[in-house]
Amino acid sequence: MRLQRVQKPGAFHHLRPYSAVHRNASSGLNVTLNQINANSYDGSKLAEVVAQLPLRDSSGIPVLVSYDGGIAIPQCDDFPSRVHGVRKLNEILCSLLLGGIHVEVLRSEELVIGALHDKANLVAYTPSLHANLRLNWAAPTDRMGPLIHPRVLMVDEMHKAFHQGQQVIQSMLSFSSLFLLSGYTAMMYRNNSDALNNLWITVEQLTEHIWREQYLKNRSSFPVYVAKAHSKPRIKKRLGSISTKHKLLCLSNIFSKDCYRVLNRARRKRNHLAHSGVVPESNLIEQLWSVLPELIEVASDTKHLGLRRLSGGAMENWDIPARTDFEEWVNLAKAL
């Protein structure tokens, strides 16, 4: 297929799992099993732009969202390189995550290059399952799941999640979207070391913001026992450490004792990972994830963060098969 030259280049990423974005309750394509088998569904409709998300960049050009979950930004001066484009797309994805929508981190090698075509469609020049489905090139087995049982997201739901996430991100200059997004993705796939490393960086960034903006600026209003603890030689000597800051923040009731206990345990496990290579258990990651909404809400002065709806439960390991006789496997290996 030969694509005509276009002047609206863009870069985008498709939401995972495969998603269908609906304007309203009746705007789905309703692809039938017969259409799947005959490959007669209208694939071009998958590329149709159905929503926009505003960006606070100098160009004023918004994000475009396609029916099949493509999140696209323009290749303009706001994003002069691939690195800038990936960073911005991950910020957008993190905004949706903070607002309560499951998304996964975008790696630079996964970036899709394409363009706005015919004033209404996002076309992709990078080969992928999404591109094959749009062009009716996908194999029958590849068509079934995405087109018959996609995850359905409503435009209104995306708008609300994005706006709440943007409010959080814009409220903290030291907050990096990539680490929270990477930690969440790693947690979902049971990559426990990556999950703890990334989520702990998020904890430290949030802690520094809370310490600077809420603790240091309001020390005079805290109870007397906080000032006494602050003046103890052992505390004063280690005032720059994350453990001491957590202790004082908890003592000042800026965050809860339950939060403090989880952070204390996670910090120790993070040190064991860094110094001894001890991989943390999934339940620790899930506990850390469970207290992150509290830290984010405190740091950003946000209430009812959508992120609370996302469980820290990771994807299950594969089931043990009913047949566990590996004699043929072993014999083949011996013969090689």
C-alpha atoms as a PDB file:
ATOM      1  CA  MET A   1       0.000   0.000   0.000  1.00  0.00           C
ATOM      2  CA  ARG A   2       1.405   3.399  -0.972  1.00  0.00           C
ATOM      3  CA  LEU A   3       0.661   6.328   1.333  1.00  0.00           C
ATOM      4  CA  GLN A   4       0.481   9.825  -0.045  1.00  0.00           C
ATOM      5  CA  ARG A   5       2.772  12.496   1.398  1.00  0.00           C
ATOM      6  CA  VAL A   6       1.180  14.327   4.339  1.00  0.00           C
ATOM      7  CA  GLN A   7       2.085  17.511   6.200  1.00  0.00           C
ATOM      8  CA  LYS A   8       0.667  16.652   9.662  1.00  0.00           C
ATOM      9  CA  PRO A   9       3.286  14.243  11.078  1.00  0.00           C
ATOM     10  CA  GLY A  10       2.805  12.835  14.541  1.00  0.00           C
ATOM     11  CA  ALA A  11       4.051  10.264  17.020  1.00  0.00           C
ATOM     12  CA  PHE A  12       1.801   8.068  19.110  1.00  0.00           C
ATOM     13  CA  HIS A  13       1.376   5.066  21.333  1.00  0.00           C
ATOM     14  CA  HIS A  14      -1.528   2.655  21.632  1.00  0.00           C
ATOM     15  CA  LEU A  15      -3.035   1.961  25.025  1.00  0.00           C
ATOM     16  CA  ARG A  16      -2.554  -1.504  26.479  1.00  0.00           C
ATOM     17  CA  PRO A  17      -4.511  -3.728  26.691  1.00  0.00           C
ATOM     18  CA  TYR A  18      -6.156  -3.201  23.298  1.00  0.00           C
ATOM     19  CA  SER A  19      -8.788  -0.528  23.864  1.00  0.00           C
ATOM     20  CA  ALA A  20     -11.774   0.937  22.057  1.00  0.00           C
ATOM     21  CA  VAL A  21     -12.523   4.574  22.910  1.00  0.00           C
ATOM     22  CA  HIS A  22     -16.229   5.437  22.641  1.00  0.00           C
ATOM     23  CA  ARG A  23     -17.681   8.944  22.454  1.00  0.00           C
ATOM     24  CA  ASN A  24     -20.882   7.678  24.086  1.00  0.00           C
ATOM     25  CA  ALA A  25     -22.744   4.461  24.898  1.00  0.00           C
ATOM     26  CA  SER A  26     -23.896   3.944  21.299  1.00  0.00           C
ATOM     27  CA  SER A  27     -20.734   4.842  19.366  1.00  0.00           C
ATOM     28  CA  GLY A  28     -19.076   1.418  19.306  1.00  0.00           C
ATOM     29  CA  LEU A  29     -18.368  -0.268  15.981  1.00  0.00           C
ATOM     30  CA  ASN A  30     -20.106  -3.494  17.083  1.00  0.00           C
ATOM     31  CA  VAL A  31     -17.946  -5.756  14.942  1.00  0.00           C
ATOM     32  CA  THR A  32     -19.632  -9.149  14.527  1.00  0.00           C
ATOM     33  CA  LEU A  33     -18.143 -12.635  14.500  1.00  0.00           C
ATOM     34  CA  ASN A  34     -19.216 -13.028  10.846  1.00  0.00           C
ATOM     35  CA  GLN A  35     -17.335  -9.841   9.942  1.00  0.00           C
ATOM     36  CA  ILE A  36     -14.266 -11.140  11.788  1.00  0.00           C
ATOM     37  CA  ASN A  37     -14.367 -14.463   9.934  1.00  0.00           C
ATOM     38  CA  ALA A  38     -14.983 -12.805   6.553  1.00  0.00           C
ATOM     39  CA  ASN A  39     -12.519  -9.974   7.286  1.00  0.00           C
ATOM     40  CA  SER A  40     -15.254  -7.572   6.151  1.00  0.00           C
ATOM     41  CA  TYR A  41     -15.273  -5.123   9.078  1.00  0.00           C
ATOM     42  CA  ASP A  42     -14.424  -1.491   8.300  1.00  0.00           C
ATOM     43  CA  GLY A  43     -10.827  -1.297   9.533  1.00  0.00           C
ATOM     44  CA  SER A  44     -10.452   2.356   8.601  1.00  0.00           C
ATOM     45  CA  LYS A  45     -12.900   3.251  11.381  1.00  0.00           C
ATOM     46  CA  LEU A  46     -10.350   2.084  13.958  1.00  0.00           C
ATOM     47  CA  ALA A  47      -8.070   4.984  12.989  1.00  0.00           C
ATOM     48  CA  GLU A  48     -10.772   7.646  13.356  1.00  0.00           C
ATOM     49  CA  VAL A  49     -10.015  10.442  15.830  1.00  0.00           C
ATOM     50  CA  VAL A  50     -12.701  10.443  18.530  1.00  0.00           C
ATOM     51  CA  ALA A  51     -11.296  12.777  21.224  1.00  0.00           C
ATOM     52  CA  GLN A  52      -8.702  15.377  22.099  1.00  0.00           C
ATOM     53  CA  LEU A  53      -6.790  16.126  25.295  1.00  0.00           C
ATOM     54  CA  PRO A  54      -5.388  19.641  25.878  1.00  0.00           C
ATOM     55  CA  LEU A  55      -1.645  20.197  26.297  1.00  0.00           C
ATOM     56  CA  ARG A  56      -0.047  23.129  28.075  1.00  0.00           C
ATOM     57  CA  ASP A  57       2.640  23.664  25.447  1.00  0.00           C
ATOM     58  CA  SER A  58       3.565  26.710  23.412  1.00  0.00           C
ATOM     59  CA  SER A  59       2.058  25.435  20.166  1.00  0.00           C
ATOM     60  CA  GLY A  60      -1.383  24.937  21.706  1.00  0.00           C
ATOM     61  CA  ILE A  61      -1.818  21.799  19.585  1.00  0.00           C
ATOM     62  CA  PRO A  62      -3.800  19.165  21.552  1.00  0.00           C
ATOM     63  CA  VAL A  63      -3.378  15.414  21.868  1.00  0.00           C
ATOM     64  CA  LEU A  64      -5.529  13.368  19.491  1.00  0.00           C
ATOM     65  CA  VAL A  65      -7.064  10.030  20.510  1.00  0.00           C
ATOM     66  CA  SER A  66      -8.172   7.437  17.961  1.00  0.00           C
ATOM     67  CA  TYR A  67     -10.964   4.894  18.316  1.00  0.00           C
ATOM     68  CA  ASP A  68      -8.435   2.070  18.816  1.00  0.00           C
ATOM     69  CA  GLY A  69      -6.651   3.834  21.686  1.00  0.00           C
ATOM     70  CA  GLY A  70      -3.915   5.660  19.805  1.00  0.00           C
ATOM     71  CA  ILE A  71      -2.597   8.631  21.824  1.00  0.00           C
ATOM     72  CA  ALA A  72      -0.943  11.045  19.363  1.00  0.00           C
ATOM     73  CA  ILE A  73       1.133  14.217  19.677  1.00  0.00           C
ATOM     74  CA  PRO A  74       2.299  16.393  16.756  1.00  0.00           C
ATOM     75  CA  GLN A  75       5.912  16.388  15.600  1.00  0.00           C
ATOM     76  CA  CYS A  76       6.288  20.109  16.196  1.00  0.00           C
ATOM     77  CA  ASP A  77       8.808  22.445  17.846  1.00  0.00           C
ATOM     78  CA  ASP A  78       7.471  21.536  21.304  1.00  0.00           C
ATOM     79  CA  PHE A  79       8.914  18.054  20.823  1.00  0.00           C
ATOM     80  CA  PRO A  80      12.097  18.499  18.777  1.00  0.00           C
ATOM     81  CA  SER A  81      13.364  14.925  19.168  1.00  0.00           C
ATOM     82  CA  ARG A  82      12.225  11.358  19.715  1.00  0.00           C
ATOM     83  CA  VAL A  83      13.315  11.638  23.355  1.00  0.00           C
ATOM     84  CA  HIS A  84      11.056  14.654  23.916  1.00  0.00           C
ATOM     85  CA  GLY A  85       8.149  12.873  22.238  1.00  0.00           C
ATOM     86  CA  VAL A  86       8.471   9.740  24.366  1.00  0.00           C
ATOM     87  CA  ARG A  87       8.763  11.865  27.513  1.00  0.00           C
ATOM     88  CA  LYS A  88       5.589  13.793  26.703  1.00  0.00           C
ATOM     89  CA  LEU A  89       3.618  10.671  25.812  1.00  0.00           C
ATOM     90  CA  ASN A  90       4.644   9.062  29.111  1.00  0.00           C
ATOM     91  CA  GLU A  91       3.499  12.187  30.936  1.00  0.00           C
ATOM     92  CA  ILE A  92       0.114  11.864  29.214  1.00  0.00           C
ATOM     93  CA  LEU A  93      -0.075   8.172  30.116  1.00  0.00           C
ATOM     94  CA  CYS A  94       0.874   8.934  33.724  1.00  0.00           C
ATOM     95  CA  SER A  95      -1.896  11.533  33.867  1.00  0.00           C
ATOM     96  CA  LEU A  96      -4.401   8.847  32.885  1.00  0.00           C
ATOM     97  CA  LEU A  97      -2.877   6.481  35.458  1.00  0.00           C
ATOM     98  CA  LEU A  98      -3.172   9.052  38.252  1.00  0.00           C
ATOM     99  CA  GLY A  99      -6.785   9.542  37.232  1.00  0.00           C
ATOM    100  CA  GLY A 100      -7.516   5.839  37.614  1.00  0.00           C
ATOM    101  CA  ILE A 101      -7.084   4.317  34.132  1.00  0.00           C
ATOM    102  CA  HIS A 102      -4.761   1.354  33.679  1.00  0.00           C
ATOM    103  CA  VAL A 103      -1.952   2.246  31.258  1.00  0.00           C
ATOM    104  CA  GLU A 104       1.572   0.945  30.696  1.00  0.00           C
ATOM    105  CA  VAL A 105       4.853   2.739  30.168  1.00  0.00           C
ATOM    106  CA  LEU A 106       6.014   3.580  26.639  1.00  0.00           C
ATOM    107  CA  ARG A 107       9.563   2.472  25.789  1.00  0.00           C
ATOM    108  CA  SER A 108      11.372   4.487  23.154  1.00  0.00           C
ATOM    109  CA  GLU A 109      11.595   1.538  20.761  1.00  0.00           C
ATOM    110  CA  GLU A 110       7.777   1.214  20.858  1.00  0.00           C
ATOM    111  CA  LEU A 111       7.075   4.708  19.590  1.00  0.00           C
ATOM    112  CA  VAL A 112       4.790   4.695  16.539  1.00  0.00           C
ATOM    113  CA  ILE A 113       5.467   7.223  13.784  1.00  0.00           C
ATOM    114  CA  GLY A 114       2.527   8.358  11.702  1.00  0.00           C
ATOM    115  CA  ALA A 115       0.399  11.325  10.709  1.00  0.00           C
ATOM    116  CA  LEU A 116      -3.061  12.866  10.669  1.00  0.00           C
ATOM    117  CA  HIS A 117      -4.534  11.751   7.350  1.00  0.00           C
ATOM    118  CA  ASP A 118      -7.648  12.996   5.500  1.00  0.00           C
ATOM    119  CA  LYS A 119      -8.357  15.430   8.369  1.00  0.00           C
ATOM    120  CA  ALA A 120      -9.864  12.688  10.545  1.00  0.00           C
ATOM    121  CA  ASN A 121      -7.650   9.596  10.810  1.00  0.00           C
ATOM    122  CA  LEU A 122      -4.368   8.741  12.504  1.00  0.00           C
ATOM    123  CA  VAL A 123      -2.324   6.589  10.150  1.00  0.00           C
ATOM    124  CA  ALA A 124       0.730   4.637  11.299  1.00  0.00           C
ATOM    125  CA  TYR A 125       3.892   4.061   9.306  1.00  0.00           C
ATOM    126  CA  THR A 126       5.301   1.681  11.920  1.00  0.00           C
ATOM    127  CA  PRO A 127       4.226  -1.981  11.504  1.00  0.00           C
ATOM    128  CA  SER A 128       2.111  -3.313  14.386  1.00  0.00           C
ATOM    129  CA  LEU A 129      -0.980  -5.345  15.208  1.00  0.00           C
ATOM    130  CA  HIS A 130      -2.974  -2.104  15.330  1.00  0.00           C
ATOM    131  CA  ALA A 131      -1.821  -1.162  11.821  1.00  0.00           C
ATOM    132  CA  ASN A 132      -2.704  -4.643  10.514  1.00  0.00           C
ATOM    133  CA  LEU A 133      -6.170  -4.475  12.057  1.00  0.00           C
ATOM    134  CA  ARG A 134      -6.766  -1.051  10.505  1.00  0.00           C
ATOM    135  CA  LEU A 135      -5.739  -2.316   7.070  1.00  0.00           C
ATOM    136  CA  ASN A 136      -7.640  -5.646   7.383  1.00  0.00           C
ATOM    137  CA  TRP A 137      -4.313  -7.478   7.149  1.00  0.00           C
ATOM    138  CA  ALA A 138      -4.433  -9.251  10.526  1.00  0.00           C
ATOM    139  CA  ALA A 139      -4.768 -13.026  10.754  1.00  0.00           C
ATOM    140  CA  PRO A 140      -8.140 -14.401  11.951  1.00  0.00           C
ATOM    141  CA  THR A 141      -6.734 -15.345  15.371  1.00  0.00           C
ATOM    142  CA  ASP A 142      -5.294 -11.828  15.798  1.00  0.00           C
ATOM    143  CA  ARG A 143      -8.620 -10.177  14.961  1.00  0.00           C
ATOM    144  CA  MET A 144     -10.788 -12.030  17.448  1.00  0.00           C
ATOM    145  CA  GLY A 145      -9.766 -10.738  20.877  1.00  0.00           C
ATOM    146  CA  PRO A 146      -9.160  -7.058  20.082  1.00  0.00           C
ATOM    147  CA  LEU A 147     -12.259  -6.525  17.947  1.00  0.00           C
ATOM    148  CA  ILE A 148     -14.793  -8.683  19.777  1.00  0.00           C
ATOM    149  CA  HIS A 149     -13.676  -8.070  23.376  1.00  0.00           C
ATOM    150  CA  PRO A 150     -11.686  -4.813  23.582  1.00  0.00           C
ATOM    151  CA  ARG A 151     -11.377  -2.827  26.785  1.00  0.00           C
ATOM    152  CA  VAL A 152     -13.907   0.001  26.370  1.00  0.00           C
ATOM    153  CA  LEU A 153     -13.007   3.502  27.580  1.00  0.00           C
ATOM    154  CA  MET A 154     -15.436   6.400  27.413  1.00  0.00           C
ATOM    155  CA  VAL A 155     -14.187   9.807  26.248  1.00  0.00           C
ATOM    156  CA  ASP A 156     -15.667  11.481  29.324  1.00  0.00           C
ATOM    157  CA  GLU A 157     -13.848   8.998  31.558  1.00  0.00           C
ATOM    158  CA  MET A 158     -10.540   9.758  29.818  1.00  0.00           C
ATOM    159  CA  HIS A 159     -11.066  13.519  30.115  1.00  0.00           C
ATOM    160  CA  LYS A 160     -11.719  13.316  33.860  1.00  0.00           C
ATOM    161  CA  ALA A 161      -8.740  11.057  34.493  1.00  0.00           C
ATOM    162  CA  PHE A 162      -6.407  13.162  32.355  1.00  0.00           C
ATOM    163  CA  HIS A 163      -7.388  16.453  33.988  1.00  0.00           C
ATOM    164  CA  GLN A 164      -6.944  15.092  37.506  1.00  0.00           C
ATOM    165  CA  GLY A 165      -3.571  13.607  36.582  1.00  0.00           C
ATOM    166  CA  GLN A 166      -2.414  16.844  34.997  1.00  0.00           C
ATOM    167  CA  GLN A 167      -3.362  18.791  38.118  1.00  0.00           C
ATOM    168  CA  VAL A 168      -1.190  16.464  40.200  1.00  0.00           C
ATOM    169  CA  ILE A 169       1.780  16.603  37.819  1.00  0.00           C
ATOM    170  CA  GLN A 170       1.647  20.378  37.403  1.00  0.00           C
ATOM    171  CA  SER A 171       1.539  20.904  41.177  1.00  0.00           C
ATOM    172  CA  MET A 172       4.984  19.353  41.745  1.00  0.00           C
ATOM    173  CA  LEU A 173       8.002  20.451  39.723  1.00  0.00           C
ATOM    174  CA  SER A 174      10.170  17.660  41.131  1.00  0.00           C
ATOM    175  CA  PHE A 175       7.742  14.858  40.236  1.00  0.00           C
ATOM    176  CA  SER A 176       8.804  12.611  37.315  1.00  0.00           C
ATOM    177  CA  SER A 177       5.964  10.807  35.565  1.00  0.00           C
ATOM    178  CA  LEU A 178       8.240   8.123  34.165  1.00  0.00           C
ATOM    179  CA  PHE A 179       9.122   6.532  37.510  1.00  0.00           C
ATOM    180  CA  LEU A 180       5.554   6.106  38.756  1.00  0.00           C
ATOM    181  CA  LEU A 181       4.454   4.770  35.371  1.00  0.00           C
ATOM    182  CA  SER A 182       7.454   2.431  35.080  1.00  0.00           C
ATOM    183  CA  GLY A 183       6.981   1.171  38.634  1.00  0.00           C
ATOM    184  CA  TYR A 184       3.302   0.443  38.067  1.00  0.00           C
ATOM    185  CA  THR A 185       3.987  -1.396  34.803  1.00  0.00           C
ATOM    186  CA  ALA A 186       6.777  -3.460  36.380  1.00  0.00           C
ATOM    187  CA  MET A 187       4.518  -4.319  39.326  1.00  0.00           C
ATOM    188  CA  MET A 188       1.775  -5.579  37.015  1.00  0.00           C
ATOM    189  CA  TYR A 189       4.227  -7.942  35.296  1.00  0.00           C
ATOM    190  CA  ARG A 190       5.895  -9.059  38.563  1.00  0.00           C
ATOM    191  CA  ASN A 191       9.216  -7.439  37.712  1.00  0.00           C
ATOM    192  CA  ASN A 192       9.658  -6.811  41.422  1.00  0.00           C
ATOM    193  CA  SER A 193      13.144  -5.300  41.374  1.00  0.00           C
ATOM    194  CA  ASP A 194      12.221  -2.755  38.707  1.00  0.00           C
ATOM    195  CA  ALA A 195       8.949  -2.034  40.481  1.00  0.00           C
ATOM    196  CA  LEU A 196      10.600  -1.303  43.826  1.00  0.00           C
ATOM    197  CA  ASN A 197      13.384   0.790  42.290  1.00  0.00           C
ATOM    198  CA  ASN A 198      11.007   2.990  40.311  1.00  0.00           C
ATOM    199  CA  LEU A 199       8.329   3.316  42.981  1.00  0.00           C
ATOM    200  CA  TRP A 200      10.948   4.172  45.590  1.00  0.00           C
ATOM    201  CA  ILE A 201      12.268   7.003  43.412  1.00  0.00           C
ATOM    202  CA  THR A 202       8.680   8.281  43.305  1.00  0.00           C
ATOM    203  CA  VAL A 203       8.509   8.028  47.113  1.00  0.00           C
ATOM    204  CA  GLU A 204      11.697  10.069  47.487  1.00  0.00           C
ATOM    205  CA  GLN A 205      10.480  12.744  45.065  1.00  0.00           C
ATOM    206  CA  LEU A 206       7.160  13.035  46.897  1.00  0.00           C
ATOM    207  CA  THR A 207       8.928  13.094  50.261  1.00  0.00           C
ATOM    208  CA  GLU A 208      11.221  15.940  49.248  1.00  0.00           C
ATOM    209  CA  HIS A 209       8.260  17.974  47.991  1.00  0.00           C
ATOM    210  CA  ILE A 210       6.258  17.379  51.183  1.00  0.00           C
ATOM    211  CA  TRP A 211       9.284  18.117  53.367  1.00  0.00           C
ATOM    212  CA  ARG A 212      10.040  21.381  51.583  1.00  0.00           C
ATOM    213  CA  GLU A 213       6.503  22.677  51.041  1.00  0.00           C
ATOM    214  CA  GLN A 214       4.659  21.409  54.099  1.00  0.00           C
ATOM    215  CA  TYR A 215       7.086  20.500  56.870  1.00  0.00           C
ATOM    216  CA  LEU A 216       9.729  23.232  56.703  1.00  0.00           C
ATOM    217  CA  LYS A 217       7.193  25.967  55.963  1.00  0.00           C
ATOM    218  CA  ASN A 218       4.923  24.969  58.858  1.00  0.00           C
ATOM    219  CA  ARG A 219       7.316  23.828  61.575  1.00  0.00           C
ATOM    220  CA  SER A 220       6.224  26.558  63.966  1.00  0.00           C
ATOM    221  CA  SER A 221       2.645  25.253  63.980  1.00  0.00           C
ATOM    222  CA  PHE A 222       3.504  21.669  64.952  1.00  0.00           C
ATOM    223  CA  PRO A 223       3.059  20.376  68.522  1.00  0.00           C
ATOM    224  CA  VAL A 224       5.907  20.815  71.017  1.00  0.00           C
ATOM    225  CA  TYR A 225       6.863  17.140  70.906  1.00  0.00           C
ATOM    226  CA  VAL A 226       7.744  17.511  67.206  1.00  0.00           C
ATOM    227  CA  ALA A 227      10.183  20.332  67.980  1.00  0.00           C
ATOM    228  CA  LYS A 228      11.718  18.247  70.782  1.00  0.00           C
ATOM    229  CA  ALA A 229      12.206  15.280  68.475  1.00  0.00           C
ATOM    230  CA  HIS A 230      13.675  17.576  65.833  1.00  0.00           C
ATOM    231  CA  SER A 231      16.287  18.859  68.271  1.00  0.00           C
ATOM    232  CA  LYS A 232      17.584  15.451  69.392  1.00  0.00           C
ATOM    233  CA  PRO A 233      21.266  14.985  68.407  1.00  0.00           C
ATOM    234  CA  ARG A 234      20.614  11.706  66.586  1.00  0.00           C
ATOM    235  CA  ILE A 235      17.806  13.275  64.559  1.00  0.00           C
ATOM    236  CA  LYS A 236      19.742  16.464  63.809  1.00  0.00           C
ATOM    237  CA  LYS A 237      22.739  14.443  62.636  1.00  0.00           C
ATOM    238  CA  ARG A 238      20.632  12.482  60.136  1.00  0.00           C
ATOM    239  CA  LEU A 239      18.186  15.199  59.141  1.00  0.00           C
ATOM    240  CA  GLY A 240      19.020  14.786  55.456  1.00  0.00           C
ATOM    241  CA  SER A 241      18.162  11.076  55.371  1.00  0.00           C
ATOM    242  CA  ILE A 242      14.890   9.838  53.965  1.00  0.00           C
ATOM    243  CA  SER A 243      14.252   7.686  57.047  1.00  0.00           C
ATOM    244  CA  THR A 244      14.497  10.686  59.394  1.00  0.00           C
ATOM    245  CA  LYS A 245      12.228  12.768  57.199  1.00  0.00           C
ATOM    246  CA  HIS A 246       9.630  10.010  57.148  1.00  0.00           C
ATOM    247  CA  LYS A 247       9.789   9.730  60.937  1.00  0.00           C
ATOM    248  CA  LEU A 248       9.242  13.466  61.418  1.00  0.00           C
ATOM    249  CA  LEU A 249       6.523  13.673  58.771  1.00  0.00           C
ATOM    250  CA  CYS A 250       4.646  10.884  60.514  1.00  0.00           C
ATOM    251  CA  LEU A 251       5.186  12.453  63.936  1.00  0.00           C
ATOM    252  CA  SER A 252       3.744  15.695  62.547  1.00  0.00           C
ATOM    253  CA  ASN A 253       0.652  13.806  61.290  1.00  0.00           C
ATOM    254  CA  ILE A 254       1.355  14.853  57.708  1.00  0.00           C
ATOM    255  CA  PHE A 255       0.878  11.232  56.731  1.00  0.00           C
ATOM    256  CA  SER A 256      -0.428   8.223  58.663  1.00  0.00           C
ATOM    257  CA  LYS A 257       1.348   5.700  60.883  1.00  0.00           C
ATOM    258  CA  ASP A 258       0.279   2.899  58.545  1.00  0.00           C
ATOM    259  CA  CYS A 259       1.913   4.758  55.662  1.00  0.00           C
ATOM    260  CA  TYR A 260       5.062   5.239  57.722  1.00  0.00           C
ATOM    261  CA  ARG A 261       5.309   1.533  58.596  1.00  0.00           C
ATOM    262  CA  VAL A 262       5.032   0.496  54.944  1.00  0.00           C
ATOM    263  CA  LEU A 263       7.566   3.120  53.825  1.00  0.00           C
ATOM    264  CA  ASN A 264       9.998   2.027  56.528  1.00  0.00           C
ATOM    265  CA  ARG A 265       9.792  -1.595  55.402  1.00  0.00           C
ATOM    266  CA  ALA A 266      10.054  -0.696  51.721  1.00  0.00           C
ATOM    267  CA  ARG A 267      13.116   1.476  52.369  1.00  0.00           C
ATOM    268  CA  ARG A 268      14.901  -1.425  54.077  1.00  0.00           C
ATOM    269  CA  LYS A 269      14.040  -3.796  51.226  1.00  0.00           C
ATOM    270  CA  ARG A 270      15.210  -1.186  48.704  1.00  0.00           C
ATOM    271  CA  ASN A 271      18.568  -1.029  50.520  1.00  0.00           C
ATOM    272  CA  HIS A 272      18.812  -4.831  50.524  1.00  0.00           C
ATOM    273  CA  LEU A 273      18.123  -4.834  46.799  1.00  0.00           C
ATOM    274  CA  ALA A 274      20.742  -2.163  46.076  1.00  0.00           C
ATOM    275  CA  HIS A 275      23.495  -3.566  48.308  1.00  0.00           C
ATOM    276  CA  SER A 276      22.865  -7.322  48.330  1.00  0.00           C
ATOM    277  CA  GLY A 277      20.727  -7.992  45.261  1.00  0.00           C
ATOM    278  CA  VAL A 278      17.848  -9.383  47.359  1.00  0.00           C
ATOM    279  CA  VAL A 279      14.743  -9.348  45.137  1.00  0.00           C
ATOM    280  CA  PRO A 280      11.625  -8.148  47.033  1.00  0.00           C
ATOM    281  CA  GLU A 281       8.430 -10.180  47.291  1.00  0.00           C
ATOM    282  CA  SER A 282       5.302  -9.122  45.431  1.00  0.00           C
ATOM    283  CA  ASN A 283       3.386  -8.425  48.644  1.00  0.00           C
ATOM    284  CA  LEU A 284       5.884  -5.707  49.583  1.00  0.00           C
ATOM    285  CA  ILE A 285       5.415  -4.025  46.207  1.00  0.00           C
ATOM    286  CA  GLU A 286       1.660  -4.189  46.601  1.00  0.00           C
ATOM    287  CA  GLN A 287       1.840  -2.673  50.096  1.00  0.00           C
ATOM    288  CA  LEU A 288       4.029   0.148  48.813  1.00  0.00           C
ATOM    289  CA  TRP A 289       1.581   0.755  45.976  1.00  0.00           C
ATOM    290  CA  SER A 290      -1.299   0.884  48.464  1.00  0.00           C
ATOM    291  CA  VAL A 291       0.197   3.881  50.343  1.00  0.00           C
ATOM    292  CA  LEU A 292       1.365   5.853  47.304  1.00  0.00           C
ATOM    293  CA  PRO A 293      -2.057   7.484  46.738  1.00  0.00           C
ATOM    294  CA  GLU A 294      -1.879   8.936  50.257  1.00  0.00           C
ATOM    295  CA  LEU A 295       1.564  10.416  49.592  1.00  0.00           C
ATOM    296  CA  ILE A 296       0.491  11.828  46.219  1.00  0.00           C
ATOM    297  CA  GLU A 297      -2.686  13.344  47.666  1.00  0.00           C
ATOM    298  CA  VAL A 298      -0.724  14.967  50.501  1.00  0.00           C
ATOM    299  CA  ALA A 299       1.986  16.264  48.154  1.00  0.00           C
ATOM    300  CA  SER A 300      -0.424  17.640  45.533  1.00  0.00           C
ATOM    301  CA  ASP A 301      -3.267  18.694  47.839  1.00  0.00           C
ATOM    302  CA  THR A 302      -5.604  16.398  45.905  1.00  0.00           C
ATOM    303  CA  LYS A 303      -8.565  14.428  47.224  1.00  0.00           C
ATOM    304  CA  HIS A 304     -10.142  11.186  45.970  1.00  0.00           C
ATOM    305  CA  LEU A 305      -7.310  10.388  43.573  1.00  0.00           C
ATOM    306  CA  GLY A 306      -8.450   8.037  40.812  1.00  0.00           C
ATOM    307  CA  LEU A 307      -5.253   6.037  41.295  1.00  0.00           C
ATOM    308  CA  ARG A 308      -6.856   4.480  44.381  1.00  0.00           C
ATOM    309  CA  ARG A 309      -9.089   2.425  42.080  1.00  0.00           C
ATOM    310  CA  LEU A 310      -6.114   0.585  40.608  1.00  0.00           C
ATOM    311  CA  SER A 311      -5.155  -2.461  42.603  1.00  0.00           C
ATOM    312  CA  GLY A 312      -1.555  -3.396  43.200  1.00  0.00           C
ATOM    313  CA  GLY A 313      -2.387  -7.008  42.428  1.00  0.00           C
ATOM    314  CA  ALA A 314       0.056  -8.298  39.852  1.00  0.00           C
ATOM    315  CA  MET A 315      -0.676 -10.523  36.881  1.00  0.00           C
ATOM    316  CA  GLU A 316      -0.848 -14.164  37.929  1.00  0.00           C
ATOM    317  CA  ASN A 317       1.934 -16.598  37.121  1.00  0.00           C
ATOM    318  CA  TRP A 318       1.117 -19.297  34.588  1.00  0.00           C
ATOM    319  CA  ASP A 319      -0.861 -22.286  35.860  1.00  0.00           C
ATOM    320  CA  ILE A 320       0.967 -25.585  36.360  1.00  0.00           C
ATOM    321  CA  PRO A 321      -0.074 -27.776  33.393  1.00  0.00           C
ATOM    322  CA  ALA A 322      -1.961 -30.994  34.026  1.00  0.00           C
ATOM    323  CA  ARG A 323       0.745 -32.969  32.208  1.00  0.00           C
ATOM    324  CA  THR A 324       4.168 -32.629  33.799  1.00  0.00           C
ATOM    325  CA  ASP A 325       6.028 -35.481  32.085  1.00  0.00           C
ATOM    326  CA  PHE A 326       9.078 -33.885  30.449  1.00  0.00           C
ATOM    327  CA  GLU A 327      10.719 -37.147  29.295  1.00  0.00           C
ATOM    328  CA  GLU A 328      10.461 -36.232  25.608  1.00  0.00           C
ATOM    329  CA  TRP A 329      11.892 -32.796  26.370  1.00  0.00           C
ATOM    330  CA  VAL A 330      14.881 -34.307  28.216  1.00  0.00           C
ATOM    331  CA  ASN A 331      15.499 -36.944  25.542  1.00  0.00           C
ATOM    332  CA  LEU A 332      15.517 -34.289  22.807  1.00  0.00           C
ATOM    333  CA  ALA A 333      17.993 -32.194  24.766  1.00  0.00           C
ATOM    334  CA  LYS A 334      20.308 -35.224  25.150  1.00  0.00           C
ATOM    335  CA  ALA A 335      20.169 -35.860  21.401  1.00  0.00           C
ATOM    336  CA  LEU A 336      21.229 -32.328  20.448  1.00  0.00           C
END
